Amino acid sequence: MMQTGEFTGFAVELRDPGIAWIRFTTPERLNGLTQSIKRDLVETVTQATMDNRVRLLVFTGTGRAFCAGDDISGHAPNLGGTPLVPPIHPGHDTPMGTYDGLRILSQALNLAVRSCDKLSIAAINGVAIQTGFSLALACDYRIAADNAKLGSATLRFGLLPDEGGQYLLVQLMGVARTMDFLMRKRIVGAAEAQSLGLLHEVVPSANLEAATMTLATELANGPQVSMRLLKRSIYNAWEMSQEQSFDEIASKTAISDHHADAREGVAAWKEKRAPRFNRWLEPEGDAAGKLDRVLETIGRLEGEIRRAGLQSQVLRQLEQQLIRQATRP
């Protein structure tokens, strides 16, 4: 189960309907991240991934920054809050330590966000630089306040976009634009970032949270099984040949077409009503949720029962018996 509350450098709350709201809480440091904070964020993403109460993740900042990058001072202050995992050596003390620190700690955060089958939104309330920029790029959706500024600019320090920013930028705007963006150390405003394809939406600063919640609620109420499979399939398509991608989406469709959400979608269309997806996520004690799980089981077994030679009347009797048991007080 995902832990909520105040942690070192960030806070987590669970909003209806299943939105994990992750907010950076060190505005005096422009929400800069340390290796320990990143490790705790990976733990939060992992918990959210495995928690059926969570349908979607939102990352946002406090104050005038989303996240202005890493603390490169070499002496991060005591930030308070409760750590989620025990501290370990942050690396970067030797060449090998830098390699391991990047792979195991820094890059792990962006990989965790991308690997999570649940959708994620970066609500960029201000400056998003270096680590903050790459985290936003790793999210599936990006909404920014109209006063936000985004960029990598690591070359200003003689450093590389070592958390995978170059890969994420190439995905979003191609090689030529990425080359120019990184080599010229560009930091752009929200409007230009949107024109480059880095943002989905730009809204007035005062409306950012409301706009994010509107999008998050829409996505969280969608058919979660199909949406999670589709997220993975879209990213997989970037790495695959056409034939491989076609085969991959067919294998996922073999799951989604036989899920209760698909039957609900078809039924709602026939009955001219709004679909009620995700009953499988409702608490075990909820009658509708129990019924939905029973119907899903029946759907899986129906083909086997018919292949075994049972009459359809027997199947209907079994279905009615299971439904009665599921809806019994």
Protein backbone atom coordinates (compact mmCIF):
# COMPACT_ATOMS: atom_id res chain seq x y z
CA MET A 1 0.00 0.00 0.00
CA MET A 2 1.29 3.46 -0.89
CA GLN A 3 2.32 5.51 2.13
CA THR A 4 0.98 9.05 2.34
CA GLY A 5 2.21 12.00 4.40
CA GLU A 6 5.26 14.26 4.66
CA PHE A 7 8.57 12.71 3.64
CA THR A 8 12.04 14.12 3.11
CA GLY A 9 11.73 16.65 0.30
CA PHE A 10 8.20 15.76 -0.80
CA ALA A 11 4.68 14.96 0.37
CA VAL A 12 2.21 12.36 -0.91
CA GLU A 13 -1.57 12.42 -0.74
CA LEU A 14 -4.22 10.23 -2.35
CA ARG A 15 -7.03 12.15 -4.02
CA ASP A 16 -10.23 10.81 -5.54
CA PRO A 17 -10.52 8.97 -7.86
CA GLY A 18 -7.20 7.27 -7.16
CA ILE A 19 -4.79 10.15 -7.89
CA ALA A 20 -1.41 9.99 -6.13
CA TRP A 21 -0.47 13.68 -5.71
CA ILE A 22 3.29 13.95 -5.16
CA ARG A 23 4.42 17.46 -4.25
CA PHE A 24 8.00 18.67 -3.78
CA THR A 25 8.25 20.62 -0.53
CA THR A 26 11.56 22.49 -0.40
CA PRO A 27 10.72 25.76 -2.18
CA GLU A 28 13.62 27.54 -0.45
CA ARG A 29 15.94 25.20 -2.43
CA LEU A 30 13.80 25.41 -5.59
CA ASN A 31 12.80 21.82 -4.82
CA GLY A 32 16.27 20.54 -5.67
CA LEU A 33 16.71 16.79 -5.32
CA THR A 34 19.31 14.72 -3.52
CA GLN A 35 20.15 11.09 -4.13
CA SER A 36 18.22 10.18 -0.97
CA ILE A 37 15.11 12.01 -2.16
CA LYS A 38 15.30 10.28 -5.54
CA ARG A 39 15.56 6.91 -3.84
CA ASP A 40 12.49 7.70 -1.74
CA LEU A 41 10.62 8.86 -4.85
CA VAL A 42 11.42 5.54 -6.54
CA GLU A 43 9.94 3.79 -3.51
CA THR A 44 6.79 5.92 -3.71
CA VAL A 45 6.38 5.15 -7.42
CA THR A 46 6.88 1.45 -6.69
CA GLN A 47 4.27 1.53 -3.92
CA ALA A 48 1.84 3.42 -6.16
CA THR A 49 2.34 0.89 -8.95
CA MET A 50 1.38 -2.00 -6.67
CA ASP A 51 -1.51 -0.23 -4.88
CA ASN A 52 -4.92 -0.80 -6.49
CA ARG A 53 -6.21 2.37 -4.89
CA VAL A 54 -3.88 4.37 -7.13
CA ARG A 55 -4.82 4.88 -10.76
CA LEU A 56 -2.59 7.80 -11.74
CA LEU A 57 0.41 9.78 -10.45
CA VAL A 58 0.91 13.56 -10.44
CA PHE A 59 4.23 15.30 -9.75
CA THR A 60 4.27 19.01 -8.93
CA GLY A 61 6.30 21.56 -7.00
CA THR A 62 5.86 24.21 -4.34
CA GLY A 63 6.76 27.86 -4.74
CA ARG A 64 8.37 29.18 -7.92
CA ALA A 65 9.94 25.90 -9.05
CA PHE A 66 8.81 22.48 -10.15
CA CYS A 67 12.34 21.20 -9.55
CA ALA A 68 15.49 23.15 -10.41
CA GLY A 69 17.74 20.11 -10.58
CA ASP A 70 20.20 18.41 -8.26
CA ASP A 71 21.96 19.84 -5.26
CA ILE A 72 25.52 20.20 -6.57
CA SER A 73 26.84 22.04 -3.50
CA GLY A 74 28.21 18.82 -2.05
CA HIS A 75 26.68 19.45 1.38
CA ALA A 76 22.91 19.06 1.28
CA PRO A 77 21.29 20.42 4.45
CA ASN A 78 19.13 18.43 6.82
CA LEU A 79 15.74 18.71 5.14
CA GLY A 80 13.74 17.03 7.89
CA GLY A 81 10.80 14.81 7.09
CA THR A 82 10.60 11.05 7.30
CA PRO A 83 12.74 9.00 4.90
CA LEU A 84 11.02 6.07 3.21
CA VAL A 85 14.12 3.90 2.85
CA PRO A 86 17.41 3.76 4.79
CA PRO A 87 20.24 5.99 3.52
CA ILE A 88 23.00 4.53 1.39
CA HIS A 89 26.15 5.96 -0.13
CA PRO A 90 25.16 8.44 -2.89
CA GLY A 91 28.07 7.54 -5.17
CA HIS A 92 29.96 10.06 -7.34
CA ASP A 93 33.13 9.77 -5.23
CA THR A 94 35.01 7.84 -7.96
CA PRO A 95 34.44 7.31 -11.69
CA MET A 96 32.79 3.96 -10.94
CA GLY A 97 30.84 5.54 -8.12
CA THR A 98 29.47 8.13 -10.55
CA TYR A 99 28.49 5.40 -13.00
CA ASP A 100 26.68 3.40 -10.33
CA GLY A 101 25.15 6.48 -8.70
CA LEU A 102 23.61 7.49 -12.00
CA ARG A 103 22.35 4.06 -13.00
CA ILE A 104 21.11 2.90 -9.60
CA LEU A 105 19.86 6.17 -8.06
CA SER A 106 19.42 9.05 -10.50
CA GLN A 107 18.29 7.30 -13.69
CA ALA A 108 16.21 4.86 -11.63
CA LEU A 109 13.62 7.57 -10.93
CA ASN A 110 12.89 8.30 -14.58
CA LEU A 111 12.90 4.59 -15.37
CA ALA A 112 10.46 3.92 -12.52
CA VAL A 113 8.05 6.56 -13.81
CA ARG A 114 8.21 5.20 -17.36
CA SER A 115 7.99 1.57 -16.19
CA CYS A 116 4.93 2.24 -14.05
CA ASP A 117 1.93 1.00 -16.01
CA LYS A 118 -0.20 3.77 -14.51
CA LEU A 119 -0.24 7.12 -16.29
CA SER A 120 1.69 10.07 -14.85
CA ILE A 121 1.33 13.83 -15.16
CA ALA A 122 3.95 16.51 -14.52
CA ALA A 123 2.18 19.68 -13.34
CA ILE A 124 5.01 22.14 -13.95
CA ASN A 125 4.37 25.11 -11.70
CA GLY A 126 7.65 26.94 -12.37
CA VAL A 127 11.29 26.26 -13.17
CA ALA A 128 12.06 22.72 -14.39
CA ILE A 129 15.78 22.30 -14.98
CA GLN A 130 18.11 19.29 -15.31
CA THR A 131 16.72 16.60 -12.97
CA GLY A 132 13.34 18.34 -12.80
CA PHE A 133 13.27 18.66 -16.58
CA SER A 134 14.10 14.99 -17.21
CA LEU A 135 11.52 13.88 -14.63
CA ALA A 136 8.86 15.95 -16.38
CA LEU A 137 9.89 14.44 -19.73
CA ALA A 138 9.60 10.94 -18.26
CA CYS A 139 5.96 11.57 -17.33
CA ASP A 140 3.24 10.70 -19.84
CA TYR A 141 1.58 14.12 -19.73
CA ARG A 142 3.00 17.57 -19.06
CA ILE A 143 0.89 20.60 -18.13
CA ALA A 144 2.72 23.83 -17.36
CA ALA A 145 1.89 27.18 -15.84
CA ASP A 146 2.32 30.02 -18.32
CA ASN A 147 5.27 31.36 -16.31
CA ALA A 148 7.18 28.05 -16.27
CA LYS A 149 10.67 27.70 -17.73
CA LEU A 150 12.14 24.42 -18.92
CA GLY A 151 15.56 23.24 -20.01
CA SER A 152 18.55 21.02 -19.37
CA ALA A 153 21.43 23.50 -19.61
CA THR A 154 23.87 21.00 -18.09
CA LEU A 155 26.58 22.19 -20.49
CA ARG A 156 26.61 25.48 -18.60
CA PHE A 157 28.43 23.52 -15.90
CA GLY A 158 30.36 21.35 -18.32
CA LEU A 159 28.11 18.42 -17.42
CA LEU A 160 26.02 15.97 -19.44
CA PRO A 161 22.23 15.33 -19.29
CA ASP A 162 23.20 12.17 -17.47
CA GLU A 163 19.75 11.11 -16.25
CA GLY A 164 18.55 10.23 -19.73
CA GLY A 165 17.30 13.63 -20.83
CA GLN A 166 18.87 13.30 -24.28
CA TYR A 167 16.91 10.10 -24.97
CA LEU A 168 13.63 11.58 -23.75
CA LEU A 169 14.13 14.72 -25.83
CA VAL A 170 14.86 12.75 -29.00
CA GLN A 171 11.62 10.84 -28.41
CA LEU A 172 9.63 14.05 -28.17
CA MET A 173 11.18 16.35 -30.78
CA GLY A 174 13.71 14.43 -32.89
CA VAL A 175 17.46 14.51 -33.30
CA ALA A 176 17.90 17.91 -34.98
CA ARG A 177 15.90 19.89 -32.43
CA THR A 178 17.45 17.96 -29.53
CA MET A 179 20.93 18.72 -30.82
CA ASP A 180 20.17 22.43 -30.94
CA PHE A 181 18.33 22.44 -27.60
CA LEU A 182 21.12 20.75 -25.65
CA MET A 183 24.21 22.09 -27.40
CA ARG A 184 23.01 25.69 -27.12
CA LYS A 185 22.02 25.20 -23.46
CA ARG A 186 18.52 26.46 -24.09
CA ILE A 187 16.01 27.28 -21.35
CA VAL A 188 12.63 28.13 -22.83
CA GLY A 189 9.33 29.50 -21.63
CA ALA A 190 6.15 27.48 -21.54
CA ALA A 191 4.75 28.74 -24.85
CA GLU A 192 7.94 27.86 -26.76
CA ALA A 193 8.18 24.52 -24.96
CA GLN A 194 4.68 23.70 -26.15
CA SER A 195 5.55 24.68 -29.73
CA LEU A 196 8.54 22.30 -29.55
CA GLY A 197 6.25 19.45 -28.51
CA LEU A 198 7.48 19.27 -24.92
CA LEU A 199 4.16 20.24 -23.30
CA HIS A 200 0.60 19.10 -23.85
CA GLU A 201 -1.04 22.16 -22.35
CA VAL A 202 -0.17 25.60 -20.96
CA VAL A 203 -2.56 27.26 -18.50
CA PRO A 204 -2.54 30.38 -16.32
CA SER A 205 -0.52 29.77 -13.17
CA ALA A 206 -3.56 30.17 -10.92
CA ASN A 207 -5.40 27.43 -12.88
CA LEU A 208 -2.64 24.82 -12.94
CA GLU A 209 -3.89 22.60 -10.11
CA ALA A 210 -7.50 22.70 -11.30
CA ALA A 211 -6.51 21.91 -14.90
CA THR A 212 -4.30 19.07 -13.72
CA MET A 213 -7.06 17.60 -11.58
CA THR A 214 -9.49 17.79 -14.50
CA LEU A 215 -7.14 15.82 -16.74
CA ALA A 216 -6.15 13.42 -13.95
CA THR A 217 -9.80 12.68 -13.11
CA GLU A 218 -10.64 12.04 -16.77
CA LEU A 219 -7.76 9.61 -17.14
CA ALA A 220 -8.34 7.92 -13.78
CA ASN A 221 -11.97 7.21 -14.68
CA GLY A 222 -11.03 5.60 -17.99
CA PRO A 223 -10.76 1.79 -18.45
CA GLN A 224 -7.58 1.18 -16.51
CA VAL A 225 -6.64 -2.23 -17.88
CA SER A 226 -6.78 -1.11 -21.52
CA MET A 227 -5.12 2.22 -20.77
CA ARG A 228 -2.23 0.61 -18.91
CA LEU A 229 -1.69 -1.94 -21.65
CA LEU A 230 -1.86 0.84 -24.25
CA LYS A 231 0.69 3.00 -22.42
CA ARG A 232 3.21 0.18 -22.55
CA SER A 233 2.37 -0.58 -26.17
CA ILE A 234 2.89 3.03 -27.26
CA TYR A 235 6.34 3.20 -25.68
CA ASN A 236 7.22 -0.26 -26.99
CA ALA A 237 6.35 0.89 -30.51
CA TRP A 238 9.24 3.38 -30.30
CA GLU A 239 11.68 0.46 -29.99
CA MET A 240 10.04 -2.10 -32.29
CA SER A 241 9.64 -2.81 -35.97
CA GLN A 242 6.18 -2.44 -37.48
CA GLU A 243 5.63 -6.19 -37.51
CA GLN A 244 6.75 -6.54 -33.90
CA SER A 245 4.54 -3.66 -32.80
CA PHE A 246 1.52 -5.09 -34.57
CA ASP A 247 2.09 -8.47 -32.91
CA GLU A 248 2.62 -6.83 -29.51
CA ILE A 249 -0.68 -4.89 -29.61
CA ALA A 250 -2.49 -8.06 -30.74
CA SER A 251 -1.22 -9.97 -27.70
CA LYS A 252 -2.37 -7.19 -25.37
CA THR A 253 -5.76 -7.06 -27.09
CA ALA A 254 -6.18 -10.73 -26.25
CA ILE A 255 -6.28 -9.56 -22.64
CA SER A 256 -8.30 -6.35 -22.94
CA ASP A 257 -11.02 -7.72 -25.24
CA HIS A 258 -11.94 -10.34 -22.64
CA HIS A 259 -11.86 -8.04 -19.62
CA ALA A 260 -15.01 -6.87 -17.86
CA ASP A 261 -14.31 -3.26 -18.86
CA ALA A 262 -14.69 -4.19 -22.53
CA ARG A 263 -18.05 -5.85 -21.91
CA GLU A 264 -19.15 -2.82 -19.90
CA GLY A 265 -18.10 -0.47 -22.70
CA VAL A 266 -20.11 -2.39 -25.30
CA ALA A 267 -23.13 -2.69 -22.99
CA ALA A 268 -23.06 1.03 -22.21
CA TRP A 269 -22.95 1.88 -25.91
CA LYS A 270 -25.93 -0.37 -26.65
CA GLU A 271 -27.88 1.05 -23.71
CA LYS A 272 -26.93 4.65 -24.60
CA ARG A 273 -25.43 5.44 -21.19
CA ALA A 274 -22.06 6.40 -19.78
CA PRO A 275 -19.89 3.33 -19.07
CA ARG A 276 -18.94 2.46 -15.52
CA PHE A 277 -15.44 1.11 -15.85
CA ASN A 278 -13.06 -0.26 -13.21
CA ARG A 279 -15.50 -2.18 -11.03
CA TRP A 280 -12.66 -4.65 -10.54
CA LEU A 281 -10.88 -1.94 -8.55
CA GLU A 282 -13.73 -1.48 -6.11
CA PRO A 283 -13.40 -2.91 -2.58
CA GLU A 284 -13.98 -6.63 -2.19
CA GLY A 285 -17.04 -6.01 -0.05
CA ASP A 286 -18.77 -3.91 -2.70
CA ALA A 287 -21.58 -5.88 -4.35
CA ALA A 288 -21.06 -4.33 -7.77
CA GLY A 289 -17.37 -5.07 -7.64
CA LYS A 290 -17.97 -8.66 -6.61
CA LEU A 291 -20.52 -9.09 -9.39
CA ASP A 292 -18.15 -7.70 -11.95
CA ARG A 293 -15.43 -10.13 -10.90
CA VAL A 294 -17.90 -13.00 -11.15
CA LEU A 295 -18.92 -11.95 -14.66
CA GLU A 296 -15.28 -11.69 -15.66
CA THR A 297 -14.70 -15.24 -14.39
CA ILE A 298 -17.73 -16.47 -16.33
CA GLY A 299 -16.41 -14.82 -19.48
CA ARG A 300 -13.09 -16.62 -19.14
CA LEU A 301 -14.72 -19.99 -18.48
CA GLU A 302 -17.44 -19.79 -21.10
CA GLY A 303 -15.32 -21.03 -23.98
CA GLU A 304 -13.96 -23.92 -21.94
CA ILE A 305 -17.44 -24.96 -20.82
CA ARG A 306 -18.73 -25.01 -24.37
CA ARG A 307 -15.71 -26.91 -25.61
CA ALA A 308 -16.42 -29.50 -22.92
CA GLY A 309 -19.82 -30.10 -24.54
CA LEU A 310 -22.09 -28.60 -21.86
CA GLN A 311 -25.39 -27.16 -23.00
CA SER A 312 -25.90 -23.40 -22.94
CA GLN A 313 -28.71 -23.94 -20.42
CA VAL A 314 -26.20 -25.41 -17.98
CA LEU A 315 -23.97 -22.39 -18.50
CA ARG A 316 -26.85 -20.00 -17.79
CA GLN A 317 -27.76 -21.88 -14.61
CA LEU A 318 -24.16 -21.67 -13.43
CA GLU A 319 -24.05 -17.97 -14.22
CA GLN A 320 -27.26 -17.26 -12.29
CA GLN A 321 -26.03 -19.24 -9.29
CA LEU A 322 -22.73 -17.33 -9.20
CA ILE A 323 -24.50 -13.98 -9.52
CA ARG A 324 -26.84 -14.84 -6.64
CA GLN A 325 -23.86 -15.69 -4.48
CA ALA A 326 -22.04 -12.50 -5.42
CA THR A 327 -25.00 -10.23 -4.63
CA ARG A 328 -26.04 -11.99 -1.43
CA PRO A 329 -25.86 -9.52 1.55
